Amino acid sequence: MTEPTGRTAERAVDLALDEATVDALRVHLPRVARIVVAEVMEQVPAYDVPFQGRMGRIIEKAVQVSLESFVSLASSSAPQGAPVGVGVTAASELGQAEARNGRPVEALLSAYRVGAGAAWRELSVEAIHAGVDAPTLGRFAELVFTYIDELSAASVAGHNQQTSSAERERIVNLDRLTRGLLTGQGASELEAAAAAAGWTPPRSLTAVLVPRERVVSTVGLLDPRTLTLAEDLPGPDVEPGPTDDAVLLVPDSGGRSRRRLVELLGEREAVLGPARPWLLAHESYARTVRGRALRAGFVDTDAALPELVLHGDPAALADLRDAALAPFAEVGEGAAERLAETLRAWLLLQGRRELVAESLHVHPQTVRYRMNQVRDLFGDRLNDPDEVLAILLALGR
């Protein structure tokens, strides 16, 4: 658990306390260790609870062992290159452990500073009682704080290493979770993936497709739990590979919250799916994929359900139009378009000629003339409810 530590070991060579002084200091190390732990608990709140009970006794013993090793290094009989305290390796491991426990490195550095101050205060008093002169006492102080600086640097490096590793792992796990949600993995797999990613499932998720270049600016406006995927989007009708889209899975944006989400998206290019229970997020994603095919710009699929149903099977819709609108083939293309537009408005407005004329911006007599032409073309089909339904669907946009 110990090893030489660079500058501390080098400076210890010039100190060389006599054995009588070292023995006098050793007597007080258990007491110094207790004081160090007590002051760290008092002055660094992050360690108040962790250092209590059995763990506190373990930490106290570790501090004592480190102090004994350190004092031995300062002895005139210590071999050159002797180990120093817990060593930088152990300090680095301590920094990694603190990161895993969710404590910031600043708490550990504060503990080092407080502990070093308490240890030096007690040791310097005992060193003076043992007859250590002022120059030697100064070198002793320099050795103590050089040692603490090295341990602090090692712990920071270990903390940063663990934090970077944990963040990379978290990103990988979030990516795996997002892909699982989009492809409709089973509940047990998704729950395990959420736990591995440290992600708290919401009640519902809403899929949103946005241009990839907008994903960062958009995510910044949304719930921090929002999941994102911008590469190789999976799912129905989406071939793996480069795409201009990114998908967001936004938590709890159904009901009244949906209006807020629409406002945040700002009516810019985006496709907004329905809210679904989080385990069924793939359904919302599938809806956005179909909604993307409707038109460019902003598409709220909740407001485009008739279009989505109508365009659910493009080939079937084409066949329906060919069959239901076949009579228009008897007139020219321009006339067919005008008559079809008039028939659509007539059916939707339940034959109210004035309203049809207003919606088409024509005279009511024009509507009457066109509808007479339509009746000549379609005959009794306009009196058959099933035929009228097929015609209206065929005229849908």
Protein backbone atom coordinates (compact mmCIF):
# COMPACT_ATOMS: atom_id res chain seq x y z
CA MET A 1 0.00 0.00 0.00
CA THR A 2 3.01 2.32 0.14
CA GLU A 3 5.59 3.60 -2.31
CA PRO A 4 8.16 6.42 -2.72
CA THR A 5 6.58 9.75 -3.66
CA GLY A 6 8.99 11.97 -5.57
CA ARG A 7 9.54 15.38 -3.98
CA THR A 8 8.55 14.22 -0.49
CA ALA A 9 11.13 11.44 -0.51
CA GLU A 10 13.79 13.80 -1.85
CA ARG A 11 13.21 16.41 0.86
CA ALA A 12 13.04 13.81 3.62
CA VAL A 13 16.74 13.08 3.00
CA ASP A 14 17.70 16.55 4.30
CA LEU A 15 15.59 16.31 7.47
CA ALA A 16 17.03 13.31 9.34
CA LEU A 17 15.41 13.59 12.79
CA ASP A 18 17.33 11.72 15.48
CA GLU A 19 15.84 8.47 16.79
CA ALA A 20 14.98 9.93 20.22
CA THR A 21 12.84 12.62 18.56
CA VAL A 22 11.18 10.11 16.25
CA ASP A 23 10.38 7.82 19.21
CA ALA A 24 8.93 10.78 21.14
CA LEU A 25 6.69 11.66 18.18
CA ARG A 26 5.54 8.06 17.71
CA VAL A 27 4.12 7.98 21.24
CA HIS A 28 1.65 10.72 20.34
CA LEU A 29 0.55 9.41 16.92
CA PRO A 30 -2.62 7.59 18.12
CA ARG A 31 -3.79 10.81 19.79
CA VAL A 32 -2.86 12.89 16.72
CA ALA A 33 -4.78 10.50 14.48
CA ARG A 34 -7.91 10.89 16.63
CA ILE A 35 -7.61 14.68 16.51
CA VAL A 36 -7.11 14.65 12.72
CA VAL A 37 -10.25 12.54 12.14
CA ALA A 38 -12.32 14.62 14.60
CA GLU A 39 -11.34 17.91 12.95
CA VAL A 40 -12.03 16.59 9.45
CA MET A 41 -15.50 15.47 10.58
CA GLU A 42 -16.15 18.87 12.14
CA GLN A 43 -14.82 21.07 9.35
CA VAL A 44 -15.67 19.02 6.24
CA PRO A 45 -19.42 18.19 6.37
CA ALA A 46 -19.15 15.61 3.58
CA TYR A 47 -17.22 13.33 5.96
CA ASP A 48 -19.22 13.84 9.14
CA VAL A 49 -21.51 10.83 8.66
CA PRO A 50 -19.10 8.56 6.69
CA PHE A 51 -16.44 8.83 9.44
CA GLN A 52 -18.78 7.84 12.26
CA GLY A 53 -18.92 4.42 13.94
CA ARG A 54 -16.84 1.53 12.65
CA MET A 55 -15.74 3.39 9.52
CA GLY A 56 -14.39 6.20 11.68
CA ARG A 57 -12.23 3.75 13.61
CA ILE A 58 -10.89 2.29 10.37
CA ILE A 59 -10.06 5.75 9.04
CA GLU A 60 -8.41 6.68 12.32
CA LYS A 61 -6.18 3.60 12.13
CA ALA A 62 -5.29 4.36 8.52
CA VAL A 63 -4.30 7.92 9.45
CA GLN A 64 -2.16 6.60 12.29
CA VAL A 65 -0.39 4.10 10.00
CA SER A 66 0.25 6.85 7.47
CA LEU A 67 1.65 9.16 10.17
CA GLU A 68 3.92 6.41 11.48
CA SER A 69 5.27 5.74 8.01
CA PHE A 70 5.76 9.46 7.45
CA VAL A 71 7.58 10.00 10.76
CA SER A 72 9.78 6.99 10.06
CA LEU A 73 10.78 8.55 6.74
CA ALA A 74 11.97 11.66 8.59
CA SER A 75 14.28 9.53 10.75
CA SER A 76 18.04 9.74 10.25
CA SER A 77 18.08 5.93 10.02
CA ALA A 78 15.49 5.71 7.22
CA PRO A 79 16.90 4.17 4.03
CA GLN A 80 17.02 6.39 0.95
CA GLY A 81 13.88 5.98 -1.16
CA ALA A 82 11.82 4.60 1.73
CA PRO A 83 8.01 4.58 1.36
CA VAL A 84 6.03 7.69 2.33
CA GLY A 85 2.68 7.38 4.10
CA VAL A 86 -0.12 5.79 2.09
CA GLY A 87 1.63 6.70 -1.17
CA VAL A 88 0.36 8.26 -4.33
CA THR A 89 -1.14 5.04 -5.64
CA ALA A 90 -3.40 4.70 -2.62
CA ALA A 91 -4.22 8.43 -2.80
CA SER A 92 -5.23 7.99 -6.44
CA GLU A 93 -7.41 5.01 -5.50
CA LEU A 94 -8.97 7.08 -2.74
CA GLY A 95 -9.84 9.78 -5.28
CA GLN A 96 -11.46 7.16 -7.52
CA ALA A 97 -13.46 5.78 -4.58
CA GLU A 98 -14.70 9.24 -3.66
CA ALA A 99 -15.88 9.77 -7.25
CA ARG A 100 -17.75 6.45 -7.16
CA ASN A 101 -19.39 7.53 -3.90
CA GLY A 102 -20.54 10.75 -5.52
CA ARG A 103 -18.43 13.08 -3.39
CA PRO A 104 -16.69 16.00 -5.13
CA VAL A 105 -12.89 16.07 -5.10
CA GLU A 106 -13.05 19.41 -3.30
CA ALA A 107 -14.29 17.61 -0.18
CA LEU A 108 -11.28 15.30 -0.23
CA LEU A 109 -8.86 18.19 -0.76
CA SER A 110 -10.44 20.03 2.14
CA ALA A 111 -9.99 16.93 4.30
CA TYR A 112 -6.33 16.80 3.32
CA ARG A 113 -5.84 20.46 4.23
CA VAL A 114 -7.67 20.19 7.54
CA GLY A 115 -5.92 16.94 8.41
CA ALA A 116 -2.48 18.29 7.51
CA GLY A 117 -3.07 21.42 9.58
CA ALA A 118 -4.21 19.41 12.61
CA ALA A 119 -1.36 16.90 12.29
CA TRP A 120 1.30 19.58 11.93
CA ARG A 121 -0.06 21.57 14.87
CA GLU A 122 0.16 18.55 17.18
CA LEU A 123 3.45 17.17 15.82
CA SER A 124 5.20 20.53 15.89
CA VAL A 125 4.34 20.98 19.58
CA GLU A 126 5.77 17.55 20.41
CA ALA A 127 8.83 18.19 18.21
CA ILE A 128 9.59 21.40 20.12
CA HIS A 129 9.21 19.55 23.42
CA ALA A 130 11.70 16.99 22.07
CA GLY A 131 14.22 19.77 21.42
CA VAL A 132 13.98 20.13 17.62
CA ASP A 133 15.61 23.42 16.56
CA ALA A 134 13.90 26.04 14.42
CA PRO A 135 15.66 25.25 11.09
CA THR A 136 14.85 21.55 11.43
CA LEU A 137 11.30 22.37 12.45
CA GLY A 138 10.96 24.46 9.27
CA ARG A 139 12.17 21.61 7.09
CA PHE A 140 9.79 19.28 8.92
CA ALA A 141 6.87 21.60 8.12
CA GLU A 142 7.93 21.80 4.49
CA LEU A 143 8.04 17.99 4.32
CA VAL A 144 4.52 17.67 5.77
CA PHE A 145 2.93 20.03 3.28
CA THR A 146 4.92 18.73 0.31
CA TYR A 147 3.57 15.30 1.16
CA ILE A 148 0.00 16.62 1.34
CA ASP A 149 0.42 18.39 -2.00
CA GLU A 150 1.51 15.15 -3.65
CA LEU A 151 -1.34 13.18 -2.14
CA SER A 152 -3.81 15.87 -3.21
CA ALA A 153 -2.54 15.84 -6.80
CA ALA A 154 -2.74 12.04 -6.92
CA SER A 155 -6.29 12.04 -5.54
CA VAL A 156 -7.41 14.70 -8.04
CA ALA A 157 -5.99 12.63 -10.88
CA GLY A 158 -7.75 9.51 -9.59
CA HIS A 159 -11.03 11.36 -9.13
CA ASN A 160 -10.86 12.82 -12.63
CA GLN A 161 -10.02 9.45 -14.11
CA GLN A 162 -12.97 7.79 -12.41
CA THR A 163 -15.31 10.65 -13.28
CA SER A 164 -14.32 10.53 -16.96
CA SER A 165 -14.66 6.76 -17.03
CA ALA A 166 -18.03 6.90 -15.28
CA GLU A 167 -19.29 9.59 -17.67
CA ARG A 168 -18.22 7.58 -20.70
CA GLU A 169 -19.94 4.52 -19.28
CA ARG A 170 -23.07 6.55 -18.51
CA ILE A 171 -23.20 7.85 -22.10
CA VAL A 172 -22.83 4.32 -23.49
CA ASN A 173 -25.60 3.06 -21.20
CA LEU A 174 -27.91 5.95 -22.13
CA ASP A 175 -27.32 5.24 -25.81
CA ARG A 176 -28.13 1.56 -25.25
CA LEU A 177 -31.28 2.49 -23.33
CA THR A 178 -32.43 4.92 -26.03
CA ARG A 179 -31.98 2.37 -28.80
CA GLY A 180 -33.83 -0.21 -26.73
CA LEU A 181 -36.74 2.17 -26.26
CA LEU A 182 -36.90 3.05 -29.95
CA THR A 183 -36.85 -0.57 -31.06
CA GLY A 184 -39.40 -1.76 -28.48
CA GLN A 185 -37.31 -4.03 -26.27
CA GLY A 186 -39.06 -5.92 -23.50
CA ALA A 187 -39.86 -4.38 -20.14
CA SER A 188 -37.23 -6.33 -18.19
CA GLU A 189 -34.46 -5.35 -20.62
CA LEU A 190 -35.50 -1.69 -20.58
CA GLU A 191 -35.74 -1.56 -16.80
CA ALA A 192 -32.27 -3.09 -16.49
CA ALA A 193 -30.89 -0.62 -19.05
CA ALA A 194 -32.44 2.32 -17.19
CA ALA A 195 -30.88 1.13 -13.92
CA ALA A 196 -27.46 0.70 -15.56
CA ALA A 197 -27.67 4.24 -16.98
CA GLY A 198 -28.80 5.72 -13.67
CA TRP A 199 -31.87 7.10 -15.48
CA THR A 200 -35.14 7.48 -13.56
CA PRO A 201 -38.05 6.45 -15.82
CA PRO A 202 -40.85 9.04 -16.17
CA ARG A 203 -44.51 8.21 -16.56
CA SER A 204 -44.45 8.82 -20.31
CA LEU A 205 -42.13 9.66 -23.19
CA THR A 206 -42.86 11.72 -26.29
CA ALA A 207 -40.72 11.21 -29.40
CA VAL A 208 -39.64 14.29 -31.33
CA LEU A 209 -37.72 14.33 -34.61
CA VAL A 210 -35.62 17.44 -35.22
CA PRO A 211 -32.84 18.28 -37.68
CA ARG A 212 -29.55 17.02 -36.30
CA GLU A 213 -28.00 20.49 -36.25
CA ARG A 214 -30.73 21.65 -33.85
CA VAL A 215 -30.51 18.80 -31.34
CA VAL A 216 -28.11 20.51 -28.90
CA SER A 217 -30.02 23.79 -28.76
CA THR A 218 -33.34 21.97 -28.45
CA VAL A 219 -32.25 19.59 -25.68
CA GLY A 220 -31.08 22.56 -23.64
CA LEU A 221 -34.71 23.71 -23.37
CA LEU A 222 -36.14 20.37 -22.26
CA ASP A 223 -36.33 18.14 -19.19
CA PRO A 224 -32.78 17.03 -18.21
CA ARG A 225 -33.95 13.41 -18.43
CA THR A 226 -34.57 13.80 -22.17
CA LEU A 227 -32.86 11.02 -24.15
CA THR A 228 -31.27 11.77 -27.52
CA LEU A 229 -29.98 9.81 -30.48
CA ALA A 230 -28.51 11.46 -33.55
CA GLU A 231 -26.71 8.61 -35.32
CA ASP A 232 -28.02 5.51 -37.11
CA LEU A 233 -31.64 5.93 -36.07
CA PRO A 234 -33.38 2.56 -35.73
CA GLY A 235 -37.01 1.72 -36.05
CA PRO A 236 -39.72 1.27 -38.67
CA ASP A 237 -38.96 2.53 -42.18
CA VAL A 238 -35.62 3.98 -41.04
CA GLU A 239 -32.57 2.45 -42.66
CA PRO A 240 -29.43 2.49 -40.46
CA GLY A 241 -26.91 5.00 -41.71
CA PRO A 242 -26.47 8.76 -42.13
CA THR A 243 -29.58 10.83 -41.63
CA ASP A 244 -30.38 14.50 -41.15
CA ASP A 245 -32.65 13.74 -38.21
CA ALA A 246 -32.09 13.28 -34.49
CA VAL A 247 -34.69 11.84 -32.15
CA LEU A 248 -35.50 13.15 -28.68
CA LEU A 249 -37.50 11.22 -26.09
CA VAL A 250 -39.02 13.89 -23.86
CA PRO A 251 -40.37 12.88 -20.42
CA ASP A 252 -43.90 13.63 -19.24
CA SER A 253 -45.03 15.90 -22.08
CA GLY A 254 -48.58 14.70 -22.51
CA GLY A 255 -51.82 16.52 -21.68
CA ARG A 256 -51.35 20.17 -20.80
CA SER A 257 -47.57 19.80 -20.93
CA ARG A 258 -47.80 19.10 -24.65
CA ARG A 259 -48.75 22.70 -25.37
CA ARG A 260 -45.61 23.82 -23.57
CA LEU A 261 -43.52 21.42 -25.64
CA VAL A 262 -45.03 22.77 -28.85
CA GLU A 263 -44.18 26.30 -27.72
CA LEU A 264 -40.59 25.30 -26.94
CA LEU A 265 -40.17 23.75 -30.37
CA GLY A 266 -41.28 27.08 -31.75
CA GLU A 267 -43.18 25.74 -34.78
CA ARG A 268 -39.80 25.15 -36.44
CA GLU A 269 -39.05 22.00 -38.43
CA ALA A 270 -39.90 19.09 -36.16
CA VAL A 271 -42.21 16.09 -35.94
CA LEU A 272 -43.93 15.64 -32.59
CA GLY A 273 -45.21 12.17 -31.69
CA PRO A 274 -47.85 11.20 -29.12
CA ALA A 275 -47.10 10.70 -25.41
CA ARG A 276 -46.84 7.02 -24.53
CA PRO A 277 -45.98 5.11 -21.33
CA TRP A 278 -42.17 5.06 -21.21
CA LEU A 279 -41.97 1.33 -21.95
CA LEU A 280 -43.97 1.96 -25.15
CA ALA A 281 -41.87 4.88 -26.43
CA HIS A 282 -41.31 2.97 -29.69
CA GLU A 283 -44.96 3.62 -30.58
CA SER A 284 -44.43 7.37 -30.31
CA TYR A 285 -41.24 7.10 -32.38
CA ALA A 286 -42.98 5.05 -35.08
CA ARG A 287 -45.66 7.77 -35.32
CA THR A 288 -43.03 10.48 -35.84
CA VAL A 289 -41.41 8.46 -38.63
CA ARG A 290 -44.76 8.27 -40.43
CA GLY A 291 -45.44 11.92 -39.66
CA ARG A 292 -42.15 12.96 -41.22
CA ALA A 293 -43.42 11.66 -44.58
CA LEU A 294 -46.49 13.92 -44.54
CA ARG A 295 -44.84 17.26 -45.25
CA ALA A 296 -41.92 19.52 -44.41
CA GLY A 297 -41.92 21.93 -41.47
CA PHE A 298 -43.64 21.38 -38.13
CA VAL A 299 -45.94 18.38 -37.76
CA ASP A 300 -47.88 17.67 -34.58
CA THR A 301 -49.03 14.12 -35.21
CA ASP A 302 -51.83 14.46 -32.64
CA ALA A 303 -53.31 17.13 -34.91
CA ALA A 304 -52.67 15.15 -38.10
CA LEU A 305 -54.36 11.84 -37.27
CA PRO A 306 -56.70 11.84 -40.31
CA GLU A 307 -53.74 12.41 -42.64
CA LEU A 308 -51.74 9.67 -40.94
CA VAL A 309 -54.60 7.21 -41.27
CA LEU A 310 -55.21 8.21 -44.86
CA HIS A 311 -51.54 7.83 -45.81
CA GLY A 312 -50.95 4.68 -43.77
CA ASP A 313 -50.92 2.55 -46.95
CA PRO A 314 -49.91 4.70 -49.96
CA ALA A 315 -50.50 1.91 -52.46
CA ALA A 316 -54.01 1.24 -51.15
CA LEU A 317 -54.76 4.97 -51.26
CA ALA A 318 -53.65 5.15 -54.90
CA ASP A 319 -55.89 2.22 -55.82
CA LEU A 320 -58.79 3.80 -53.94
CA ARG A 321 -58.35 7.08 -55.81
CA ASP A 322 -58.19 5.32 -59.17
CA ALA A 323 -61.42 3.47 -58.47
CA ALA A 324 -63.46 6.09 -56.62
CA LEU A 325 -62.55 9.02 -58.86
CA ALA A 326 -62.62 7.15 -62.16
CA PRO A 327 -65.55 9.24 -63.54
CA PHE A 328 -63.32 12.34 -63.62
CA ALA A 329 -61.28 10.67 -66.35
CA GLU A 330 -64.09 11.61 -68.77
CA VAL A 331 -63.19 15.33 -68.55
CA GLY A 332 -59.96 17.24 -69.03
CA GLU A 333 -57.35 17.43 -66.30
CA GLY A 334 -58.07 21.06 -65.39
CA ALA A 335 -61.81 20.51 -65.27
CA ALA A 336 -61.35 17.30 -63.26
CA GLU A 337 -59.32 19.19 -60.67
CA ARG A 338 -61.97 21.93 -60.31
CA LEU A 339 -64.82 19.43 -60.07
CA ALA A 340 -62.97 17.30 -57.51
CA GLU A 341 -62.28 20.37 -55.38
CA THR A 342 -65.95 21.34 -55.54
CA LEU A 343 -67.15 17.83 -54.70
CA ARG A 344 -64.83 17.63 -51.70
CA ALA A 345 -66.10 20.95 -50.32
CA TRP A 346 -69.72 19.92 -51.05
CA LEU A 347 -69.39 16.69 -49.10
CA LEU A 348 -67.53 18.26 -46.17
CA LEU A 349 -69.98 21.17 -45.91
CA GLN A 350 -73.02 18.91 -46.30
CA GLY A 351 -74.20 20.49 -49.54
CA ARG A 352 -74.61 24.05 -48.20
CA ARG A 353 -74.03 25.92 -51.45
CA GLU A 354 -73.28 29.35 -49.96
CA LEU A 355 -70.59 27.93 -47.66
CA VAL A 356 -69.08 25.90 -50.48
CA ALA A 357 -68.93 28.99 -52.68
CA GLU A 358 -67.31 30.98 -49.86
CA SER A 359 -64.68 28.32 -49.22
CA LEU A 360 -63.82 28.08 -52.93
CA HIS A 361 -64.02 31.86 -53.53
CA VAL A 362 -66.52 31.42 -56.38
CA HIS A 363 -70.14 32.42 -57.04
CA PRO A 364 -72.89 30.09 -55.73
CA GLN A 365 -74.10 29.66 -59.31
CA THR A 366 -70.65 28.31 -60.22
CA VAL A 367 -71.01 25.74 -57.46
CA ARG A 368 -74.44 24.76 -58.79
CA TYR A 369 -73.09 24.41 -62.34
CA ARG A 370 -70.11 22.29 -61.25
CA MET A 371 -72.20 20.00 -59.02
CA ASN A 372 -74.59 19.36 -61.93
CA GLN A 373 -71.55 18.19 -63.90
CA VAL A 374 -70.44 15.99 -61.00
CA ARG A 375 -73.88 14.37 -60.75
CA ASP A 376 -73.83 13.65 -64.45
CA LEU A 377 -70.46 11.91 -64.04
CA PHE A 378 -71.15 9.94 -60.85
CA GLY A 379 -74.89 9.30 -61.13
CA ASP A 380 -76.41 7.21 -58.33
CA ARG A 381 -73.02 6.67 -56.68
CA LEU A 382 -73.54 9.96 -54.81
CA ASN A 383 -76.64 8.42 -53.16
CA ASP A 384 -74.75 5.37 -51.83
CA PRO A 385 -73.19 6.00 -48.38
CA ASP A 386 -70.39 3.50 -48.98
CA GLU A 387 -69.56 5.09 -52.31
CA VAL A 388 -69.64 8.57 -50.77
CA LEU A 389 -67.22 7.42 -48.02
CA ALA A 390 -64.82 6.00 -50.62
CA ILE A 391 -65.02 9.21 -52.68
CA LEU A 392 -64.42 11.40 -49.66
CA LEU A 393 -61.40 9.33 -48.61
CA ALA A 394 -60.07 9.47 -52.15
CA LEU A 395 -60.43 13.26 -52.10
CA GLY A 396 -58.63 13.52 -48.76
CA ARG A 397 -55.32 15.35 -48.64
